[in-house]
Amino acid sequence: MGDFKLIKSVAVVGAGAAGAITAAALSRENYFQNIRVFERRESVRGTCLPTTTSPNQQERFEKTPIYNSLTTNVPDVAMSFSDVPFPCGPFVPHYIPCEYLKNYFSAHELTYLLVLNTMVEDVSKLLSPKGRERWKLTLRRHDPQRSVDEWWQEEFDAVIFGNGHYSVPYIPKVKGLSEYISRFPNRVMHSKYYRSPSVYEGKKILVIGNSASGHDITTELVQHDELPAYQSIRSASRWDDDTFLDDIAIVIYCTGYKASFPFWNEQANGRPIWDYGENKLVKGYWHTFLQDFPTIGLVGVPRVLTFRSWEYHAIALARIFSGRNAKSLPSIAEQERWDRDRLDVVKREKRKFHDIQWETGETMEWLRALFEWAGLRTLEGNGRIPPALTKDVIWAIEHLWKYPEPGKDSNYCIQSTLKDKDSDGDWVVLSKGSKDLLYFI
């Protein structure tokens, strides 16, 4: 897999939850000489001697998918990082995680690693004179005072992608949809651009999709207005019985997002990083590694328990890149076999490659391997220890649910409804269920 003892500099792309925990894990190793965390939003930080160009006008999908009423949908004890709990749990408003991440950088004295308001435009592989793999990052920052873009390059021994995948909205191909959008450009939208039900008052709405945003938006629209809101969900009928709706004013697609690595230079690196046909990493392993690029890591590709599961990714990568991992990664042949076998399984079961199920034991198996690769910290205390998946966390995953499945599917027995004394939000305690409990993420 390579001589990881030679890795002394690491770039992290993205300063969201995945980037925050990755920075914390790398820093805690007390091994790397240079760690830089590049984030496209917020204020300017860092020094450079850039070249300048006129401002880049390319669409960057920078708007966030945050609607006003959004809350988390994983219980706080299972979602927050293990060393700092969320306040106001168990399902907190969207601004709590945002403030949490800002405070997390400060509390762990990581702000000096941040290079903010900086776009990673290109990641290209370099070969050192000794044939060792290194990476060149091309970076851009807009200077609003001079109305120019500043460009510069930096080189690193390894790169970890924690850039998130809620930027590029996905709308499935539907016969006649393109023509309809051309004719009525303001009648079809993605949930990324939804903010509040008030602007849809008095209109008949069709919501397509039934994951977290689909459920939230439909519920909010129904509570706000007397007119009905219709929700189309994936089912046996799939609207194939000639059913139709009249007078729909707005169609809101709550159909998720496309994975996006716009900075990955396919020509320089010899191949794409993502297969959009199969919706998976190309030559990936364990949702975290690339078989043919051992100094590239990924944090946050599977969502699962979000923040908490990404902690296992980050610690495992930090330990492997420092050469202190307790166990070696398997051979390339075994990694290739894993990739082929998993693709066969998910195709047969008709699910996404990077969706990891809870009730089958798949989540535990995935986290356990990351845990075992990382192992313990050094005798001197360098490194983070992967968190234990304790009984209280498991109980929360299996019993605390923000909302039942729409229609109160008979597979679930709703035992009782609890109410936090400091919150207006409700959540549901479930006593059993045959459907995977993490499907709503």
Protein backbone atom coordinates (compact mmCIF):
# COMPACT_ATOMS: atom_id res chain seq x y z
CA MET A 1 0.00 0.00 0.00
CA GLY A 2 3.00 2.33 0.17
CA ASP A 3 5.45 3.69 2.72
CA PHE A 4 3.21 5.85 4.88
CA LYS A 5 6.15 6.88 7.08
CA LEU A 6 7.05 9.29 4.26
CA ILE A 7 3.77 11.21 4.61
CA LYS A 8 4.47 14.47 6.42
CA SER A 9 2.02 16.88 4.76
CA VAL A 10 -1.73 16.35 4.36
CA ALA A 11 -4.37 18.50 2.66
CA VAL A 12 -8.00 18.22 3.74
CA VAL A 13 -10.65 19.37 1.27
CA GLY A 14 -13.68 20.77 3.11
CA ALA A 15 -14.14 22.17 6.61
CA GLY A 16 -17.58 20.79 7.38
CA ALA A 17 -18.15 17.91 9.77
CA ALA A 18 -15.93 15.49 7.84
CA GLY A 19 -13.15 18.08 7.55
CA ALA A 20 -13.41 19.08 11.21
CA ILE A 21 -12.99 15.57 12.60
CA THR A 22 -10.27 14.79 10.05
CA ALA A 23 -8.30 17.87 11.12
CA ALA A 24 -8.72 16.87 14.77
CA ALA A 25 -7.55 13.30 14.11
CA LEU A 26 -4.53 14.37 12.05
CA SER A 27 -3.49 17.01 14.56
CA ARG A 28 -3.80 14.63 17.50
CA GLU A 29 -1.24 12.27 15.93
CA ASN A 30 1.46 14.90 16.63
CA TYR A 31 3.26 13.52 13.62
CA PHE A 32 2.48 15.58 10.50
CA GLN A 33 4.53 18.68 9.73
CA ASN A 34 1.94 20.41 7.58
CA ILE A 35 -1.87 20.06 7.73
CA ARG A 36 -4.05 22.42 5.69
CA VAL A 37 -7.85 22.44 5.62
CA PHE A 38 -9.28 24.17 2.54
CA GLU A 39 -12.84 25.51 2.70
CA ARG A 40 -14.58 27.52 -0.02
CA ARG A 41 -16.84 29.54 2.31
CA GLU A 42 -16.42 32.19 5.01
CA SER A 43 -13.58 34.72 5.43
CA VAL A 44 -10.04 34.91 4.06
CA ARG A 45 -7.16 33.17 5.85
CA GLY A 46 -3.67 32.16 4.80
CA THR A 47 -0.77 33.78 2.94
CA CYS A 48 0.35 33.24 -0.62
CA LEU A 49 1.87 34.88 -3.65
CA PRO A 50 -0.93 34.38 -6.17
CA THR A 51 -1.47 35.18 -9.81
CA THR A 52 -4.74 36.96 -10.63
CA THR A 53 -7.50 36.58 -13.23
CA SER A 54 -10.96 38.03 -13.78
CA PRO A 55 -13.58 36.39 -11.51
CA ASN A 56 -14.59 32.82 -12.38
CA GLN A 57 -18.33 32.65 -13.21
CA GLN A 58 -18.72 28.85 -13.29
CA GLU A 59 -21.66 27.42 -11.30
CA ARG A 60 -20.33 26.08 -8.00
CA PHE A 61 -23.63 25.05 -6.34
CA GLU A 62 -22.59 27.06 -3.29
CA LYS A 63 -26.08 27.56 -1.89
CA THR A 64 -26.71 25.30 1.10
CA PRO A 65 -29.71 22.91 1.28
CA ILE A 66 -30.91 24.37 4.61
CA TYR A 67 -34.62 25.10 4.98
CA ASN A 68 -35.81 27.14 7.95
CA SER A 69 -37.38 24.28 9.91
CA LEU A 70 -34.63 21.72 9.27
CA THR A 71 -33.51 19.62 12.23
CA THR A 72 -31.14 16.69 12.52
CA ASN A 73 -32.67 13.23 12.05
CA VAL A 74 -30.14 11.12 13.96
CA PRO A 75 -30.26 11.16 17.79
CA ASP A 76 -27.62 13.45 19.24
CA VAL A 77 -25.85 10.73 21.22
CA ALA A 78 -25.32 8.77 17.99
CA MET A 79 -24.56 11.75 15.74
CA SER A 80 -22.23 14.15 17.56
CA PHE A 81 -18.51 13.55 17.83
CA SER A 82 -17.66 11.38 20.81
CA ASP A 83 -15.73 14.03 22.77
CA VAL A 84 -18.25 16.90 22.54
CA PRO A 85 -22.04 16.29 22.73
CA PHE A 86 -24.65 18.38 20.96
CA PRO A 87 -26.58 20.79 23.17
CA CYS A 88 -30.39 20.75 23.13
CA GLY A 89 -30.76 17.14 21.91
CA PRO A 90 -31.92 14.76 20.69
CA PHE A 91 -32.95 16.31 17.31
CA VAL A 92 -31.53 19.80 17.12
CA PRO A 93 -32.27 22.75 14.79
CA HIS A 94 -29.96 23.16 11.82
CA TYR A 95 -28.04 26.09 13.31
CA ILE A 96 -26.85 23.98 16.27
CA PRO A 97 -24.55 21.71 14.17
CA CYS A 98 -23.23 24.81 12.35
CA GLU A 99 -22.24 26.50 15.60
CA TYR A 100 -21.05 23.17 16.95
CA LEU A 101 -18.53 22.78 14.13
CA LYS A 102 -17.22 26.34 14.53
CA ASN A 103 -16.76 25.75 18.24
CA TYR A 104 -15.17 22.36 17.57
CA PHE A 105 -12.34 23.92 15.57
CA SER A 106 -11.79 26.49 18.32
CA ALA A 107 -12.05 24.05 21.24
CA HIS A 108 -9.43 21.77 19.68
CA GLU A 109 -7.18 24.70 18.67
CA LEU A 110 -7.46 23.85 14.99
CA THR A 111 -8.36 27.23 13.49
CA TYR A 112 -4.76 27.86 12.44
CA LEU A 113 -5.10 24.95 10.00
CA LEU A 114 -7.97 26.59 8.09
CA VAL A 115 -7.58 28.22 4.69
CA LEU A 116 -11.02 29.76 4.18
CA ASN A 117 -12.77 31.31 1.20
CA THR A 118 -10.58 29.12 -0.99
CA MET A 119 -11.71 26.83 -3.81
CA VAL A 120 -9.75 23.67 -4.56
CA GLU A 121 -9.86 23.84 -8.35
CA ASP A 122 -7.60 20.92 -9.23
CA VAL A 123 -6.02 17.87 -7.56
CA SER A 124 -3.34 16.23 -9.71
CA LYS A 125 -0.93 13.40 -9.01
CA LEU A 126 2.80 14.11 -9.07
CA LEU A 127 5.69 11.68 -9.02
CA SER A 128 8.73 12.61 -7.00
CA PRO A 129 12.23 11.71 -8.31
CA LYS A 130 12.06 8.52 -6.22
CA GLY A 131 8.70 7.57 -7.74
CA ARG A 132 6.78 8.44 -4.59
CA GLU A 133 3.17 9.62 -4.99
CA ARG A 134 2.54 13.29 -4.19
CA TRP A 135 -0.30 15.70 -4.98
CA LYS A 136 -0.47 19.19 -6.43
CA LEU A 137 -3.48 21.33 -5.48
CA THR A 138 -4.44 24.32 -7.59
CA LEU A 139 -6.26 26.85 -5.42
CA ARG A 140 -8.38 29.93 -6.09
CA ARG A 141 -9.58 32.73 -3.87
CA HIS A 142 -11.74 35.68 -4.89
CA ASP A 143 -10.59 39.15 -3.86
CA PRO A 144 -13.77 41.29 -3.84
CA GLN A 145 -11.90 44.56 -3.31
CA ARG A 146 -9.91 44.17 -6.52
CA SER A 147 -12.60 42.07 -8.26
CA VAL A 148 -10.06 39.44 -9.27
CA ASP A 149 -9.40 35.78 -8.53
CA GLU A 150 -6.07 34.84 -6.94
CA TRP A 151 -4.54 31.51 -8.00
CA TRP A 152 -1.69 29.49 -6.48
CA GLN A 153 -0.51 25.91 -6.03
CA GLU A 154 0.61 23.81 -3.07
CA GLU A 155 1.98 20.27 -2.88
CA PHE A 156 1.19 17.54 -0.32
CA ASP A 157 2.13 13.96 0.43
CA ALA A 158 -1.51 12.94 0.94
CA VAL A 159 -5.01 14.36 0.46
CA ILE A 160 -8.25 13.57 2.30
CA PHE A 161 -11.55 14.50 0.65
CA GLY A 162 -14.18 15.61 3.19
CA ASN A 163 -16.01 17.97 0.88
CA GLY A 164 -19.54 16.70 1.49
CA HIS A 165 -22.10 15.65 -1.06
CA TYR A 166 -25.06 17.99 -0.62
CA SER A 167 -24.11 20.48 -3.31
CA VAL A 168 -25.18 19.16 -6.72
CA PRO A 169 -28.92 18.39 -6.70
CA TYR A 170 -30.11 15.21 -8.40
CA ILE A 171 -33.37 15.11 -10.36
CA PRO A 172 -34.06 11.78 -12.09
CA LYS A 173 -34.72 11.56 -15.81
CA VAL A 174 -38.48 11.59 -16.40
CA LYS A 175 -40.10 11.47 -19.82
CA GLY A 176 -41.28 14.96 -20.78
CA LEU A 177 -39.73 16.69 -17.75
CA SER A 178 -37.13 18.69 -19.70
CA GLU A 179 -39.80 20.00 -22.06
CA TYR A 180 -42.06 20.86 -19.14
CA ILE A 181 -39.27 22.79 -17.36
CA SER A 182 -38.52 24.69 -20.57
CA ARG A 183 -42.16 25.65 -20.90
CA PHE A 184 -42.75 26.37 -17.19
CA PRO A 185 -39.30 27.16 -15.72
CA ASN A 186 -40.56 28.15 -12.26
CA ARG A 187 -42.79 25.15 -11.59
CA VAL A 188 -40.16 22.49 -10.90
CA MET A 189 -37.51 22.80 -8.21
CA HIS A 190 -35.22 20.71 -6.02
CA SER A 191 -35.55 20.63 -2.25
CA LYS A 192 -32.12 22.27 -2.00
CA TYR A 193 -33.81 25.57 -2.85
CA TYR A 194 -36.79 25.18 -0.51
CA ARG A 195 -36.74 27.47 2.53
CA SER A 196 -40.21 28.10 3.94
CA PRO A 197 -43.83 27.04 3.28
CA SER A 198 -45.12 30.61 3.29
CA VAL A 199 -44.19 31.27 -0.34
CA TYR A 200 -46.33 28.28 -1.44
CA GLU A 201 -49.48 29.35 0.38
CA GLY A 202 -52.63 28.76 -1.64
CA LYS A 203 -50.86 26.51 -4.15
CA LYS A 204 -51.24 22.80 -4.82
CA ILE A 205 -47.84 21.16 -4.35
CA LEU A 206 -46.44 17.79 -5.42
CA VAL A 207 -43.46 16.55 -3.40
CA ILE A 208 -41.50 13.70 -4.98
CA GLY A 209 -39.37 11.63 -2.62
CA ASN A 210 -39.76 10.30 0.90
CA SER A 211 -36.41 10.53 2.62
CA ALA A 212 -35.72 13.10 5.35
CA SER A 213 -36.29 16.28 3.32
CA GLY A 214 -39.35 14.83 1.54
CA HIS A 215 -41.02 13.98 4.82
CA ASP A 216 -40.10 17.29 6.46
CA ILE A 217 -41.26 19.46 3.58
CA THR A 218 -44.52 17.58 3.04
CA THR A 219 -45.37 17.76 6.73
CA GLU A 220 -44.57 21.46 6.87
CA LEU A 221 -46.65 22.28 3.78
CA VAL A 222 -49.67 20.36 5.09
CA GLN A 223 -49.51 22.07 8.47
CA HIS A 224 -49.17 25.52 6.93
CA ASP A 225 -51.90 25.53 4.29
CA GLU A 226 -55.42 24.26 3.79
CA LEU A 227 -54.76 23.10 0.23
CA PRO A 228 -53.49 19.52 -0.09
CA ALA A 229 -49.85 18.64 -0.68
CA TYR A 230 -49.27 15.41 -2.59
CA GLN A 231 -46.28 13.19 -2.02
CA SER A 232 -45.07 10.63 -4.56
CA ILE A 233 -43.04 7.83 -2.97
CA ARG A 234 -41.35 4.79 -4.43
CA SER A 235 -43.79 1.88 -4.17
CA ALA A 236 -45.03 -1.18 -6.02
CA SER A 237 -47.40 0.89 -8.14
CA ARG A 238 -44.94 3.68 -9.05
CA TRP A 239 -47.90 5.68 -10.42
CA ASP A 240 -48.23 3.11 -13.21
CA ASP A 241 -52.01 2.78 -12.89
CA ASP A 242 -52.80 5.83 -15.06
CA THR A 243 -53.29 8.00 -11.95
CA PHE A 244 -52.77 11.71 -12.61
CA LEU A 245 -53.05 15.04 -10.77
CA ASP A 246 -54.41 18.31 -12.12
CA ASP A 247 -53.57 21.93 -11.32
CA ILE A 248 -50.20 21.29 -9.67
CA ALA A 249 -48.52 24.67 -9.15
CA ILE A 250 -45.12 23.51 -7.96
CA VAL A 251 -43.25 20.19 -8.11
CA ILE A 252 -40.53 19.78 -5.47
CA TYR A 253 -38.03 16.99 -6.08
CA CYS A 254 -36.63 15.63 -2.80
CA THR A 255 -34.46 13.13 -4.61
CA GLY A 256 -31.03 13.68 -3.09
CA TYR A 257 -27.71 14.80 -4.50
CA LYS A 258 -24.97 13.67 -6.82
CA ALA A 259 -21.54 12.96 -5.41
CA SER A 260 -19.22 15.69 -6.63
CA PHE A 261 -15.44 15.82 -6.96
CA PRO A 262 -15.06 18.67 -9.48
CA PHE A 263 -11.40 19.19 -8.55
CA TRP A 264 -10.32 15.64 -9.47
CA ASN A 265 -8.17 15.86 -12.61
CA GLU A 266 -9.08 12.74 -14.60
CA GLN A 267 -6.45 13.33 -17.26
CA ALA A 268 -3.55 13.84 -14.84
CA ASN A 269 -4.70 11.03 -12.54
CA GLY A 270 -5.46 8.55 -15.29
CA ARG A 271 -9.10 7.83 -14.47
CA PRO A 272 -12.30 9.24 -12.93
CA ILE A 273 -12.85 8.99 -9.19
CA TRP A 274 -16.63 8.37 -9.36
CA ASP A 275 -18.71 6.05 -11.54
CA TYR A 276 -22.00 7.92 -12.08
CA GLY A 277 -23.54 4.92 -13.82
CA GLU A 278 -23.06 2.65 -10.80
CA ASN A 279 -23.14 5.61 -8.35
CA LYS A 280 -19.97 4.55 -6.55
CA LEU A 281 -16.28 5.23 -6.10
CA VAL A 282 -14.05 3.84 -8.84
CA LYS A 283 -11.66 1.25 -7.40
CA GLY A 284 -12.69 2.09 -3.87
CA TYR A 285 -12.27 0.03 -0.73
CA TRP A 286 -14.33 0.12 2.47
CA HIS A 287 -15.92 3.42 1.35
CA THR A 288 -12.73 5.16 2.53
CA PHE A 289 -9.70 4.21 0.42
CA LEU A 290 -8.71 4.06 -3.26
CA GLN A 291 -6.98 0.87 -4.34
CA ASP A 292 -4.53 2.50 -6.75
CA PHE A 293 -4.00 5.79 -4.86
CA PRO A 294 -2.92 4.85 -1.32
CA THR A 295 -2.31 8.48 -0.29
CA ILE A 296 -5.91 9.54 -1.04
CA GLY A 297 -8.55 9.09 1.66
CA LEU A 298 -12.26 9.87 1.80
CA VAL A 299 -14.34 10.80 4.82
CA GLY A 300 -18.12 10.99 4.62
CA VAL A 301 -19.04 9.00 1.51
CA PRO A 302 -21.53 6.78 3.41
CA ARG A 303 -23.88 8.92 5.53
CA VAL A 304 -25.01 6.30 8.09
CA LEU A 305 -24.56 8.00 11.52
CA THR A 306 -23.00 11.09 9.87
CA PHE A 307 -20.67 12.92 12.28
CA ARG A 308 -20.02 9.93 14.53
CA SER A 309 -19.29 7.42 11.76
CA TRP A 310 -16.95 9.90 10.07
CA GLU A 311 -14.91 9.96 13.27
CA TYR A 312 -13.94 6.32 12.61
CA HIS A 313 -12.92 7.19 9.02
CA ALA A 314 -10.80 10.12 10.13
CA ILE A 315 -8.97 8.32 12.93
CA ALA A 316 -8.24 5.29 10.74
CA LEU A 317 -6.83 7.48 7.96
CA ALA A 318 -4.75 9.58 10.37
CA ARG A 319 -3.29 6.43 11.92
CA ILE A 320 -2.55 4.79 8.56
CA PHE A 321 -0.99 7.94 7.08
CA SER A 322 1.25 8.26 10.14
CA GLY A 323 2.30 4.61 9.77
CA ARG A 324 1.00 3.74 13.24
CA ASN A 325 -2.00 1.61 12.30
CA ALA A 326 -2.56 -1.53 14.39
CA LYS A 327 -3.42 -3.67 11.34
CA SER A 328 -2.43 -3.42 7.70
CA LEU A 329 -4.99 -2.92 4.97
CA PRO A 330 -5.61 -6.07 2.91
CA SER A 331 -3.84 -6.70 -0.37
CA ILE A 332 -4.95 -4.98 -3.57
CA ALA A 333 -6.38 -8.31 -4.79
CA GLU A 334 -8.58 -8.55 -1.68
CA GLN A 335 -9.67 -4.93 -2.05
CA GLU A 336 -10.64 -5.56 -5.67
CA ARG A 337 -12.60 -8.64 -4.62
CA TRP A 338 -14.46 -6.61 -1.97
CA ASP A 339 -15.41 -4.01 -4.56
CA ARG A 340 -16.72 -6.63 -7.03
CA ASP A 341 -18.58 -8.65 -4.40
CA ARG A 342 -20.26 -5.60 -2.90
CA LEU A 343 -21.41 -4.38 -6.30
CA ASP A 344 -22.98 -7.79 -6.95
CA VAL A 345 -24.77 -7.69 -3.57
CA VAL A 346 -26.21 -4.19 -3.87
CA LYS A 347 -27.38 -4.82 -7.43
CA ARG A 348 -29.13 -7.98 -6.31
CA GLU A 349 -30.72 -6.19 -3.34
CA LYS A 350 -31.47 -3.06 -5.41
CA ARG A 351 -29.82 -0.58 -3.09
CA LYS A 352 -27.05 2.00 -3.36
CA PHE A 353 -23.43 0.90 -3.19
CA HIS A 354 -22.48 3.26 -0.35
CA ASP A 355 -25.65 2.79 1.73
CA ILE A 356 -24.72 0.77 4.80
CA GLN A 357 -27.51 -0.99 6.67
CA TRP A 358 -27.89 -1.18 10.43
CA GLU A 359 -30.16 -4.12 11.10
CA THR A 360 -28.14 -6.62 9.06
CA GLY A 361 -25.03 -5.92 11.15
CA GLU A 362 -23.35 -4.24 8.19
CA THR A 363 -22.76 -0.95 10.04
CA MET A 364 -21.07 -2.71 12.96
CA GLU A 365 -18.83 -4.68 10.58
CA TRP A 366 -17.84 -1.51 8.72
CA LEU A 367 -17.04 0.49 11.86
CA ARG A 368 -15.28 -2.45 13.52
CA ALA A 369 -12.75 -2.73 10.67
CA LEU A 370 -11.97 1.01 10.87
CA PHE A 371 -11.66 0.65 14.65
CA GLU A 372 -9.23 -2.27 14.34
CA TRP A 373 -7.07 -0.62 11.68
CA ALA A 374 -6.67 2.42 13.91
CA GLY A 375 -6.04 0.61 17.18
CA LEU A 376 -4.90 2.45 20.30
CA ARG A 377 -2.94 5.67 20.57
CA THR A 378 0.79 5.60 21.32
CA LEU A 379 2.20 5.11 24.81
CA GLU A 380 2.97 8.85 24.86
CA GLY A 381 -0.68 9.63 24.20
CA ASN A 382 -0.43 10.61 20.51
CA GLY A 383 -3.53 9.95 18.43
CA ARG A 384 -7.24 9.68 19.07
CA ILE A 385 -8.93 6.47 20.08
CA PRO A 386 -11.95 5.46 17.95
CA PRO A 387 -15.12 5.81 20.05
CA ALA A 388 -16.84 2.81 21.54
CA LEU A 389 -20.28 2.04 20.15
CA THR A 390 -21.83 1.70 23.59
CA LYS A 391 -25.19 0.33 24.68
CA ASP A 392 -26.73 3.78 25.05
CA VAL A 393 -25.72 4.74 21.51
CA ILE A 394 -27.11 1.49 20.12
CA TRP A 395 -30.33 1.97 22.08
CA ALA A 396 -30.73 5.49 20.68
CA ILE A 397 -30.23 4.28 17.10
CA GLU A 398 -32.77 1.49 17.51
CA HIS A 399 -35.43 3.31 19.56
CA LEU A 400 -35.26 7.09 19.12
CA TRP A 401 -36.73 8.24 15.85
CA LYS A 402 -37.67 11.74 14.85
CA TYR A 403 -40.79 10.58 13.02
CA PRO A 404 -42.47 7.31 12.12
CA GLU A 405 -42.64 6.13 8.56
CA PRO A 406 -45.46 8.04 6.82
CA GLY A 407 -48.72 6.17 7.17
CA LYS A 408 -47.44 4.37 10.27
CA ASP A 409 -46.31 1.28 8.44
CA SER A 410 -47.51 -1.84 10.23
CA ASN A 411 -43.93 -3.10 10.39
CA TYR A 412 -43.39 -0.59 13.16
CA CYS A 413 -45.06 -0.58 16.54
CA ILE A 414 -45.15 2.97 17.92
CA GLN A 415 -44.83 2.56 21.65
CA SER A 416 -45.02 6.11 22.92
CA THR A 417 -44.25 9.72 22.09
CA LEU A 418 -41.78 11.65 24.22
CA LYS A 419 -41.41 15.41 24.45
CA ASP A 420 -38.29 17.24 25.55
CA LYS A 421 -39.19 19.73 28.24
CA ASP A 422 -36.94 22.35 26.62
CA SER A 423 -38.09 21.78 23.07
CA ASP A 424 -41.19 21.98 20.93
CA GLY A 425 -40.10 18.97 18.88
CA ASP A 426 -41.48 15.46 19.27
CA TRP A 427 -39.78 12.17 18.63
CA VAL A 428 -41.01 8.63 18.58
CA VAL A 429 -39.86 5.56 20.48
CA LEU A 430 -40.15 2.42 18.35
CA SER A 431 -40.44 -1.04 19.82
CA LYS A 432 -39.71 -3.07 16.68
CA GLY A 433 -39.11 -2.81 12.97
CA SER A 434 -38.13 -4.93 10.03
CA LYS A 435 -37.07 -2.07 7.77
CA ASP A 436 -33.53 -0.76 8.19
CA LEU A 437 -33.58 1.92 10.86
CA LEU A 438 -31.12 4.19 9.08
CA TYR A 439 -33.06 4.36 5.80
CA PHE A 440 -34.40 7.86 6.56
CA ILE A 441 -30.90 9.39 6.43
